[in-house]
Amino acid sequence: PALVTILVFTSGVTDPVNVNKLLALGIVSCSAIAILTVKS
């Protein structure tokens, strides 16, 4: 969650905030949900 809030790119993009945070959130959320098992 901290990474999603902090991450900013200003080089090579026109939107330095939102597309980066969506990418970070996608990575974090998919990694987190994969930790769960059927028993979970």
PDB file of all heavy atoms in Angstrom:
ATOM      1  N   PRO A   1       0.814  -1.221   0.000  1.00  0.00           N
ATOM      2  CA  PRO A   1       0.000   0.000   0.000  1.00  0.00           C
ATOM      3  C   PRO A   1       0.849   1.274   0.000  1.00  0.00           C
ATOM      4  O   PRO A   1       0.505   2.259  -0.666  1.00  0.00           O
ATOM      5  CB  PRO A   1      -0.813  -0.133   1.297  1.00  0.00           C
ATOM      6  CG  PRO A   1      -0.878  -1.596   1.558  1.00  0.00           C
ATOM      7  CD  PRO A   1       0.442  -2.128   1.103  1.00  0.00           C
ATOM      8  N   ALA A   2       1.957   1.250   0.740  1.00  0.00           N
ATOM      9  CA  ALA A   2       2.846   2.419   0.747  1.00  0.00           C
ATOM     10  C   ALA A   2       3.418   2.667  -0.638  1.00  0.00           C
ATOM     11  O   ALA A   2       3.509   3.822  -1.093  1.00  0.00           O
ATOM     12  CB  ALA A   2       3.977   2.210   1.759  1.00  0.00           C
ATOM     13  N   LEU A   3       3.802   1.594  -1.325  1.00  0.00           N
ATOM     14  CA  LEU A   3       4.348   1.728  -2.679  1.00  0.00           C
ATOM     15  C   LEU A   3       3.340   2.362  -3.624  1.00  0.00           C
ATOM     16  O   LEU A   3       3.683   3.232  -4.432  1.00  0.00           O
ATOM     17  CB  LEU A   3       4.778   0.353  -3.201  1.00  0.00           C
ATOM     18  CG  LEU A   3       5.314   0.317  -4.642  1.00  0.00           C
ATOM     19  CD1 LEU A   3       6.631   1.091  -4.738  1.00  0.00           C
ATOM     20  CD2 LEU A   3       5.510  -1.132  -5.100  1.00  0.00           C
ATOM     21  N   VAL A   4       2.086   1.929  -3.539  1.00  0.00           N
ATOM     22  CA  VAL A   4       1.040   2.485  -4.402  1.00  0.00           C
ATOM     23  C   VAL A   4       0.903   3.986  -4.171  1.00  0.00           C
ATOM     24  O   VAL A   4       0.747   4.768  -5.120  1.00  0.00           O
ATOM     25  CB  VAL A   4      -0.310   1.776  -4.149  1.00  0.00           C
ATOM     26  CG1 VAL A   4      -1.427   2.443  -4.947  1.00  0.00           C
ATOM     27  CG2 VAL A   4      -0.215   0.300  -4.520  1.00  0.00           C
ATOM     28  N   THR A   5       0.962   4.417  -2.922  1.00  0.00           N
ATOM     29  CA  THR A   5       0.825   5.833  -2.596  1.00  0.00           C
ATOM     30  C   THR A   5       2.052   6.636  -3.020  1.00  0.00           C
ATOM     31  O   THR A   5       1.931   7.757  -3.515  1.00  0.00           O
ATOM     32  CB  THR A   5       0.600   6.016  -1.083  1.00  0.00           C
ATOM     33  OG1 THR A   5      -0.609   5.349  -0.715  1.00  0.00           O
ATOM     34  CG2 THR A   5       0.485   7.485  -0.711  1.00  0.00           C
ATOM     35  N   ILE A   6       3.234   6.062  -2.860  1.00  0.00           N
ATOM     36  CA  ILE A   6       4.477   6.799  -3.069  1.00  0.00           C
ATOM     37  C   ILE A   6       4.890   6.859  -4.536  1.00  0.00           C
ATOM     38  O   ILE A   6       5.424   7.873  -5.007  1.00  0.00           O
ATOM     39  CB  ILE A   6       5.614   6.163  -2.237  1.00  0.00           C
ATOM     40  CG1 ILE A   6       5.334   6.322  -0.742  1.00  0.00           C
ATOM     41  CG2 ILE A   6       6.966   6.780  -2.589  1.00  0.00           C
ATOM     42  CD1 ILE A   6       6.246   5.485   0.140  1.00  0.00           C
ATOM     43  N   LEU A   7       4.649   5.791  -5.292  1.00  0.00           N
ATOM     44  CA  LEU A   7       5.224   5.651  -6.628  1.00  0.00           C
ATOM     45  C   LEU A   7       4.817   6.778  -7.568  1.00  0.00           C
ATOM     46  O   LEU A   7       3.628   7.032  -7.789  1.00  0.00           O
ATOM     47  CB  LEU A   7       4.823   4.303  -7.232  1.00  0.00           C
ATOM     48  CG  LEU A   7       5.514   3.931  -8.547  1.00  0.00           C
ATOM     49  CD1 LEU A   7       7.027   3.783  -8.344  1.00  0.00           C
ATOM     50  CD2 LEU A   7       4.925   2.652  -9.121  1.00  0.00           C
ATOM     51  N   VAL A   8       5.809   7.434  -8.140  1.00  0.00           N
ATOM     52  CA  VAL A   8       5.612   8.497  -9.119  1.00  0.00           C
ATOM     53  C   VAL A   8       6.703   8.376 -10.181  1.00  0.00           C
ATOM     54  O   VAL A   8       7.877   8.206  -9.840  1.00  0.00           O
ATOM     55  CB  VAL A   8       5.684   9.903  -8.471  1.00  0.00           C
ATOM     56  CG1 VAL A   8       5.708  10.992  -9.532  1.00  0.00           C
ATOM     57  CG2 VAL A   8       4.515  10.125  -7.527  1.00  0.00           C
ATOM     58  N   PHE A   9       6.308   8.429 -11.459  1.00  0.00           N
ATOM     59  CA  PHE A   9       7.270   8.491 -12.564  1.00  0.00           C
ATOM     60  C   PHE A   9       7.062   9.815 -13.282  1.00  0.00           C
ATOM     61  O   PHE A   9       5.936  10.182 -13.609  1.00  0.00           O
ATOM     62  CB  PHE A   9       7.043   7.358 -13.573  1.00  0.00           C
ATOM     63  CG  PHE A   9       7.418   5.996 -13.088  1.00  0.00           C
ATOM     64  CD1 PHE A   9       6.845   4.872 -13.645  1.00  0.00           C
ATOM     65  CD2 PHE A   9       8.353   5.836 -12.091  1.00  0.00           C
ATOM     66  CE1 PHE A   9       7.186   3.602 -13.219  1.00  0.00           C
ATOM     67  CE2 PHE A   9       8.707   4.572 -11.647  1.00  0.00           C
ATOM     68  CZ  PHE A   9       8.124   3.449 -12.206  1.00  0.00           C
ATOM     69  N   THR A  10       8.136  10.520 -13.550  1.00  0.00           N
ATOM     70  CA  THR A  10       8.016  11.775 -14.301  1.00  0.00           C
ATOM     71  C   THR A  10       8.742  11.717 -15.633  1.00  0.00           C
ATOM     72  O   THR A  10       8.552  12.580 -16.478  1.00  0.00           O
ATOM     73  CB  THR A  10       8.589  12.954 -13.493  1.00  0.00           C
ATOM     74  OG1 THR A  10       9.965  12.687 -13.178  1.00  0.00           O
ATOM     75  CG2 THR A  10       7.802  13.163 -12.212  1.00  0.00           C
ATOM     76  N   SER A  11       9.554  10.691 -15.833  1.00  0.00           N
ATOM     77  CA  SER A  11      10.326  10.574 -17.068  1.00  0.00           C
ATOM     78  C   SER A  11       9.679   9.553 -17.997  1.00  0.00           C
ATOM     79  O   SER A  11       9.389   8.426 -17.596  1.00  0.00           O
ATOM     80  CB  SER A  11      11.756  10.144 -16.746  1.00  0.00           C
ATOM     81  OG  SER A  11      12.515   9.963 -17.920  1.00  0.00           O
ATOM     82  N   GLY A  12       9.456   9.966 -19.230  1.00  0.00           N
ATOM     83  CA  GLY A  12       8.956   9.044 -20.238  1.00  0.00           C
ATOM     84  C   GLY A  12       7.465   8.832 -20.244  1.00  0.00           C
ATOM     85  O   GLY A  12       6.966   7.973 -20.982  1.00  0.00           O
ATOM     86  N   VAL A  13       6.720   9.596 -19.433  1.00  0.00           N
ATOM     87  CA  VAL A  13       5.265   9.476 -19.392  1.00  0.00           C
ATOM     88  C   VAL A  13       4.639  10.867 -19.417  1.00  0.00           C
ATOM     89  O   VAL A  13       5.298  11.861 -19.124  1.00  0.00           O
ATOM     90  CB  VAL A  13       4.783   8.716 -18.134  1.00  0.00           C
ATOM     91  CG1 VAL A  13       5.212   7.262 -18.175  1.00  0.00           C
ATOM     92  CG2 VAL A  13       5.298   9.389 -16.871  1.00  0.00           C
ATOM     93  N   THR A  14       3.353  10.936 -19.753  1.00  0.00           N
ATOM     94  CA  THR A  14       2.633  12.214 -19.681  1.00  0.00           C
ATOM     95  C   THR A  14       1.828  12.321 -18.394  1.00  0.00           C
ATOM     96  O   THR A  14       1.526  13.413 -17.938  1.00  0.00           O
ATOM     97  CB  THR A  14       1.677  12.381 -20.883  1.00  0.00           C
ATOM     98  OG1 THR A  14       0.631  11.406 -20.805  1.00  0.00           O
ATOM     99  CG2 THR A  14       2.416  12.225 -22.201  1.00  0.00           C
ATOM    100  N   ASP A  15       1.473  11.174 -17.819  1.00  0.00           N
ATOM    101  CA  ASP A  15       0.764  11.139 -16.537  1.00  0.00           C
ATOM    102  C   ASP A  15       1.713  10.561 -15.490  1.00  0.00           C
ATOM    103  O   ASP A  15       1.935   9.347 -15.450  1.00  0.00           O
ATOM    104  CB  ASP A  15      -0.496  10.282 -16.651  1.00  0.00           C
ATOM    105  CG  ASP A  15      -1.280  10.195 -15.333  1.00  0.00           C
ATOM    106  OD1 ASP A  15      -0.799  10.747 -14.325  1.00  0.00           O
ATOM    107  OD2 ASP A  15      -2.356   9.574 -15.322  1.00  0.00           O
ATOM    108  N   PRO A  16       2.294  11.397 -14.639  1.00  0.00           N
ATOM    109  CA  PRO A  16       3.290  10.906 -13.679  1.00  0.00           C
ATOM    110  C   PRO A  16       2.705  10.191 -12.468  1.00  0.00           C
ATOM    111  O   PRO A  16       3.462   9.651 -11.668  1.00  0.00           O
ATOM    112  CB  PRO A  16       4.005  12.190 -13.251  1.00  0.00           C
ATOM    113  CG  PRO A  16       2.971  13.253 -13.394  1.00  0.00           C
ATOM    114  CD  PRO A  16       2.130  12.855 -14.572  1.00  0.00           C
ATOM    115  N   VAL A  17       1.380  10.191 -12.335  1.00  0.00           N
ATOM    116  CA  VAL A  17       0.771   9.706 -11.095  1.00  0.00           C
ATOM    117  C   VAL A  17      -0.085   8.456 -11.295  1.00  0.00           C
ATOM    118  O   VAL A  17       0.201   7.396 -10.727  1.00  0.00           O
ATOM    119  CB  VAL A  17      -0.087  10.821 -10.434  1.00  0.00           C
ATOM    120  CG1 VAL A  17      -0.761  10.303  -9.176  1.00  0.00           C
ATOM    121  CG2 VAL A  17       0.775  12.037 -10.115  1.00  0.00           C
ATOM    122  N   ASN A  18      -1.125   8.553 -12.071  1.00  0.00           N
ATOM    123  CA  ASN A  18      -2.192   7.544 -12.031  1.00  0.00           C
ATOM    124  C   ASN A  18      -1.849   6.222 -12.699  1.00  0.00           C
ATOM    125  O   ASN A  18      -2.136   5.155 -12.140  1.00  0.00           O
ATOM    126  CB  ASN A  18      -3.460   8.134 -12.650  1.00  0.00           C
ATOM    127  CG  ASN A  18      -3.944   9.345 -11.885  1.00  0.00           C
ATOM    128  OD1 ASN A  18      -4.506   9.226 -10.808  1.00  0.00           O
ATOM    129  ND2 ASN A  18      -3.713  10.537 -12.429  1.00  0.00           N
ATOM    130  N   VAL A  19      -1.250   6.253 -13.904  1.00  0.00           N
ATOM    131  CA  VAL A  19      -0.947   4.984 -14.573  1.00  0.00           C
ATOM    132  C   VAL A  19       0.088   4.190 -13.784  1.00  0.00           C
ATOM    133  O   VAL A  19       0.068   2.953 -13.767  1.00  0.00           O
ATOM    134  CB  VAL A  19      -0.462   5.218 -16.025  1.00  0.00           C
ATOM    135  CG1 VAL A  19      -1.604   5.729 -16.891  1.00  0.00           C
ATOM    136  CG2 VAL A  19       0.725   6.181 -16.081  1.00  0.00           C
ATOM    137  N   ASN A  20       0.992   4.901 -13.101  1.00  0.00           N
ATOM    138  CA  ASN A  20       2.010   4.223 -12.296  1.00  0.00           C
ATOM    139  C   ASN A  20       1.376   3.534 -11.085  1.00  0.00           C
ATOM    140  O   ASN A  20       1.736   2.409 -10.729  1.00  0.00           O
ATOM    141  CB  ASN A  20       3.054   5.226 -11.812  1.00  0.00           C
ATOM    142  CG  ASN A  20       3.512   6.172 -12.897  1.00  0.00           C
ATOM    143  OD1 ASN A  20       3.786   5.746 -14.011  1.00  0.00           O
ATOM    144  ND2 ASN A  20       3.584   7.448 -12.590  1.00  0.00           N
ATOM    145  N   LYS A  21       0.471   4.253 -10.442  1.00  0.00           N
ATOM    146  CA  LYS A  21      -0.165   3.709  -9.243  1.00  0.00           C
ATOM    147  C   LYS A  21      -1.084   2.539  -9.586  1.00  0.00           C
ATOM    148  O   LYS A  21      -1.197   1.581  -8.811  1.00  0.00           O
ATOM    149  CB  LYS A  21      -0.924   4.816  -8.516  1.00  0.00           C
ATOM    150  CG  LYS A  21      -0.004   5.914  -7.976  1.00  0.00           C
ATOM    151  CD  LYS A  21      -0.746   6.925  -7.135  1.00  0.00           C
ATOM    152  CE  LYS A  21       0.142   8.091  -6.736  1.00  0.00           C
ATOM    153  NZ  LYS A  21       1.369   7.699  -6.015  1.00  0.00           N
ATOM    154  N   LEU A  22      -1.757   2.605 -10.740  1.00  0.00           N
ATOM    155  CA  LEU A  22      -2.583   1.470 -11.154  1.00  0.00           C
ATOM    156  C   LEU A  22      -1.713   0.249 -11.405  1.00  0.00           C
ATOM    157  O   LEU A  22      -2.074  -0.874 -11.021  1.00  0.00           O
ATOM    158  CB  LEU A  22      -3.368   1.829 -12.423  1.00  0.00           C
ATOM    159  CG  LEU A  22      -4.317   0.731 -12.932  1.00  0.00           C
ATOM    160  CD1 LEU A  22      -5.449   0.499 -11.935  1.00  0.00           C
ATOM    161  CD2 LEU A  22      -4.883   1.094 -14.306  1.00  0.00           C
ATOM    162  N   LEU A  23      -0.561   0.448 -12.026  1.00  0.00           N
ATOM    163  CA  LEU A  23       0.364  -0.656 -12.268  1.00  0.00           C
ATOM    164  C   LEU A  23       0.847  -1.251 -10.951  1.00  0.00           C
ATOM    165  O   LEU A  23       0.859  -2.481 -10.773  1.00  0.00           O
ATOM    166  CB  LEU A  23       1.553  -0.161 -13.097  1.00  0.00           C
ATOM    167  CG  LEU A  23       2.675  -1.168 -13.377  1.00  0.00           C
ATOM    168  CD1 LEU A  23       2.131  -2.390 -14.110  1.00  0.00           C
ATOM    169  CD2 LEU A  23       3.796  -0.511 -14.179  1.00  0.00           C
ATOM    170  N   ALA A  24       1.237  -0.397 -10.018  1.00  0.00           N
ATOM    171  CA  ALA A  24       1.707  -0.883  -8.715  1.00  0.00           C
ATOM    172  C   ALA A  24       0.608  -1.627  -7.976  1.00  0.00           C
ATOM    173  O   ALA A  24       0.850  -2.688  -7.375  1.00  0.00           O
ATOM    174  CB  ALA A  24       2.199   0.300  -7.875  1.00  0.00           C
ATOM    175  N   LEU A  25      -0.617  -1.102  -8.015  1.00  0.00           N
ATOM    176  CA  LEU A  25      -1.735  -1.752  -7.331  1.00  0.00           C
ATOM    177  C   LEU A  25      -2.031  -3.114  -7.947  1.00  0.00           C
ATOM    178  O   LEU A  25      -2.335  -4.077  -7.224  1.00  0.00           O
ATOM    179  CB  LEU A  25      -2.981  -0.859  -7.397  1.00  0.00           C
ATOM    180  CG  LEU A  25      -4.238  -1.417  -6.738  1.00  0.00           C
ATOM    181  CD1 LEU A  25      -4.018  -1.670  -5.245  1.00  0.00           C
ATOM    182  CD2 LEU A  25      -5.422  -0.458  -6.932  1.00  0.00           C
ATOM    183  N   GLY A  26      -1.958  -3.208  -9.273  1.00  0.00           N
ATOM    184  CA  GLY A  26      -2.186  -4.485  -9.933  1.00  0.00           C
ATOM    185  C   GLY A  26      -1.184  -5.534  -9.495  1.00  0.00           C
ATOM    186  O   GLY A  26      -1.535  -6.694  -9.208  1.00  0.00           O
ATOM    187  N   ILE A  27       0.087  -5.139  -9.415  1.00  0.00           N
ATOM    188  CA  ILE A  27       1.140  -6.061  -8.992  1.00  0.00           C
ATOM    189  C   ILE A  27       0.932  -6.496  -7.546  1.00  0.00           C
ATOM    190  O   ILE A  27       0.993  -7.690  -7.220  1.00  0.00           O
ATOM    191  CB  ILE A  27       2.521  -5.390  -9.165  1.00  0.00           C
ATOM    192  CG1 ILE A  27       2.832  -5.220 -10.655  1.00  0.00           C
ATOM    193  CG2 ILE A  27       3.608  -6.199  -8.469  1.00  0.00           C
ATOM    194  CD1 ILE A  27       4.062  -4.382 -10.932  1.00  0.00           C
ATOM    195  N   VAL A  28       0.684  -5.535  -6.672  1.00  0.00           N
ATOM    196  CA  VAL A  28       0.541  -5.831  -5.240  1.00  0.00           C
ATOM    197  C   VAL A  28      -0.697  -6.681  -4.972  1.00  0.00           C
ATOM    198  O   VAL A  28      -0.636  -7.674  -4.225  1.00  0.00           O
ATOM    199  CB  VAL A  28       0.479  -4.520  -4.431  1.00  0.00           C
ATOM    200  CG1 VAL A  28       0.109  -4.794  -2.971  1.00  0.00           C
ATOM    201  CG2 VAL A  28       1.808  -3.776  -4.504  1.00  0.00           C
ATOM    202  N   SER A  29      -1.821  -6.311  -5.561  1.00  0.00           N
ATOM    203  CA  SER A  29      -3.073  -7.029  -5.269  1.00  0.00           C
ATOM    204  C   SER A  29      -3.054  -8.449  -5.797  1.00  0.00           C
ATOM    205  O   SER A  29      -3.506  -9.385  -5.112  1.00  0.00           O
ATOM    206  CB  SER A  29      -4.267  -6.259  -5.848  1.00  0.00           C
ATOM    207  OG  SER A  29      -4.184  -6.179  -7.262  1.00  0.00           O
ATOM    208  N   CYS A  30      -2.524  -8.646  -6.998  1.00  0.00           N
ATOM    209  CA  CYS A  30      -2.468 -10.006  -7.554  1.00  0.00           C
ATOM    210  C   CYS A  30      -1.488 -10.869  -6.766  1.00  0.00           C
ATOM    211  O   CYS A  30      -1.745 -12.063  -6.536  1.00  0.00           O
ATOM    212  CB  CYS A  30      -2.077  -9.948  -9.028  1.00  0.00           C
ATOM    213  SG  CYS A  30      -3.376  -9.295 -10.102  1.00  0.00           S
ATOM    214  N   SER A  31      -0.355 -10.293  -6.356  1.00  0.00           N
ATOM    215  CA  SER A  31       0.590 -11.048  -5.526  1.00  0.00           C
ATOM    216  C   SER A  31      -0.049 -11.434  -4.199  1.00  0.00           C
ATOM    217  O   SER A  31       0.124 -12.561  -3.715  1.00  0.00           O
ATOM    218  CB  SER A  31       1.847 -10.205  -5.275  1.00  0.00           C
ATOM    219  OG  SER A  31       2.509  -9.905  -6.478  1.00  0.00           O
ATOM    220  N   ALA A  32      -0.781 -10.502  -3.600  1.00  0.00           N
ATOM    221  CA  ALA A  32      -1.397 -10.763  -2.297  1.00  0.00           C
ATOM    222  C   ALA A  32      -2.455 -11.853  -2.378  1.00  0.00           C
ATOM    223  O   ALA A  32      -2.498 -12.755  -1.525  1.00  0.00           O
ATOM    224  CB  ALA A  32      -2.006  -9.472  -1.741  1.00  0.00           C
ATOM    225  N   ILE A  33      -3.299 -11.799  -3.387  1.00  0.00           N
ATOM    226  CA  ILE A  33      -4.380 -12.782  -3.475  1.00  0.00           C
ATOM    227  C   ILE A  33      -3.831 -14.175  -3.783  1.00  0.00           C
ATOM    228  O   ILE A  33      -4.425 -15.194  -3.402  1.00  0.00           O
ATOM    229  CB  ILE A  33      -5.425 -12.361  -4.538  1.00  0.00           C
ATOM    230  CG1 ILE A  33      -6.765 -13.079  -4.302  1.00  0.00           C
ATOM    231  CG2 ILE A  33      -4.925 -12.617  -5.949  1.00  0.00           C
ATOM    232  CD1 ILE A  33      -7.481 -12.632  -3.067  1.00  0.00           C
ATOM    233  N   ALA A  34      -2.665 -14.242  -4.456  1.00  0.00           N
ATOM    234  CA  ALA A  34      -2.079 -15.538  -4.804  1.00  0.00           C
ATOM    235  C   ALA A  34      -1.526 -16.264  -3.587  1.00  0.00           C
ATOM    236  O   ALA A  34      -1.303 -17.477  -3.637  1.00  0.00           O
ATOM    237  CB  ALA A  34      -0.971 -15.344  -5.839  1.00  0.00           C
ATOM    238  N   ILE A  35      -1.291 -15.544  -2.506  1.00  0.00           N
ATOM    239  CA  ILE A  35      -0.789 -16.160  -1.281  1.00  0.00           C
ATOM    240  C   ILE A  35      -1.836 -17.077  -0.661  1.00  0.00           C
ATOM    241  O   ILE A  35      -1.517 -18.078  -0.023  1.00  0.00           O
ATOM    242  CB  ILE A  35      -0.355 -15.073  -0.270  1.00  0.00           C
ATOM    243  CG1 ILE A  35       0.818 -14.273  -0.843  1.00  0.00           C
ATOM    244  CG2 ILE A  35       0.015 -15.671   1.072  1.00  0.00           C
ATOM    245  CD1 ILE A  35       1.191 -13.063  -0.018  1.00  0.00           C
ATOM    246  N   LEU A  36      -3.108 -16.748  -0.881  1.00  0.00           N
ATOM    247  CA  LEU A  36      -4.193 -17.530  -0.279  1.00  0.00           C
ATOM    248  C   LEU A  36      -4.310 -18.901  -0.947  1.00  0.00           C
ATOM    249  O   LEU A  36      -4.053 -19.047  -2.151  1.00  0.00           O
ATOM    250  CB  LEU A  36      -5.517 -16.784  -0.409  1.00  0.00           C
ATOM    251  CG  LEU A  36      -5.828 -15.736   0.659  1.00  0.00           C
ATOM    252  CD1 LEU A  36      -4.793 -14.611   0.635  1.00  0.00           C
ATOM    253  CD2 LEU A  36      -7.212 -15.149   0.426  1.00  0.00           C
ATOM    254  N   THR A  37      -4.701 -19.893  -0.181  1.00  0.00           N
ATOM    255  CA  THR A  37      -4.931 -21.245  -0.677  1.00  0.00           C
ATOM    256  C   THR A  37      -6.419 -21.569  -0.603  1.00  0.00           C
ATOM    257  O   THR A  37      -7.221 -20.759  -0.119  1.00  0.00           O
ATOM    258  CB  THR A  37      -4.155 -22.272   0.165  1.00  0.00           C
ATOM    259  OG1 THR A  37      -4.653 -22.227   1.516  1.00  0.00           O
ATOM    260  CG2 THR A  37      -2.664 -21.974   0.161  1.00  0.00           C
ATOM    261  N   VAL A  38      -6.775 -22.747  -1.075  1.00  0.00           N
ATOM    262  CA  VAL A  38      -8.173 -23.178  -1.013  1.00  0.00           C
ATOM    263  C   VAL A  38      -8.657 -23.181   0.433  1.00  0.00           C
ATOM    264  O   VAL A  38      -9.775 -22.753   0.734  1.00  0.00           O
ATOM    265  CB  VAL A  38      -8.333 -24.576  -1.641  1.00  0.00           C
ATOM    266  CG1 VAL A  38      -9.761 -25.091  -1.425  1.00  0.00           C
ATOM    267  CG2 VAL A  38      -8.002 -24.538  -3.129  1.00  0.00           C
ATOM    268  N   LYS A  39      -7.803 -23.647   1.353  1.00  0.00           N
ATOM    269  CA  LYS A  39      -8.180 -23.666   2.761  1.00  0.00           C
ATOM    270  C   LYS A  39      -8.379 -22.246   3.299  1.00  0.00           C
ATOM    271  O   LYS A  39      -9.232 -22.020   4.164  1.00  0.00           O
ATOM    272  CB  LYS A  39      -7.122 -24.406   3.578  1.00  0.00           C
ATOM    273  CG  LYS A  39      -7.122 -25.914   3.338  1.00  0.00           C
ATOM    274  CD  LYS A  39      -6.160 -26.616   4.274  1.00  0.00           C
ATOM    275  CE  LYS A  39      -6.220 -28.139   4.057  1.00  0.00           C
ATOM    276  NZ  LYS A  39      -5.297 -28.853   4.968  1.00  0.00           N
ATOM    277  N   SER A  40      -7.587 -21.323   2.778  1.00  0.00           N
ATOM    278  CA  SER A  40      -7.740 -19.921   3.192  1.00  0.00           C
ATOM    279  C   SER A  40      -9.107 -19.392   2.786  1.00  0.00           C
ATOM    280  O   SER A  40      -9.780 -18.726   3.573  1.00  0.00           O
ATOM    281  CB  SER A  40      -6.638 -19.056   2.562  1.00  0.00           C
ATOM    282  OG  SER A  40      -5.356 -19.531   2.893  1.00  0.00           O
TER     283      SER A  40
END
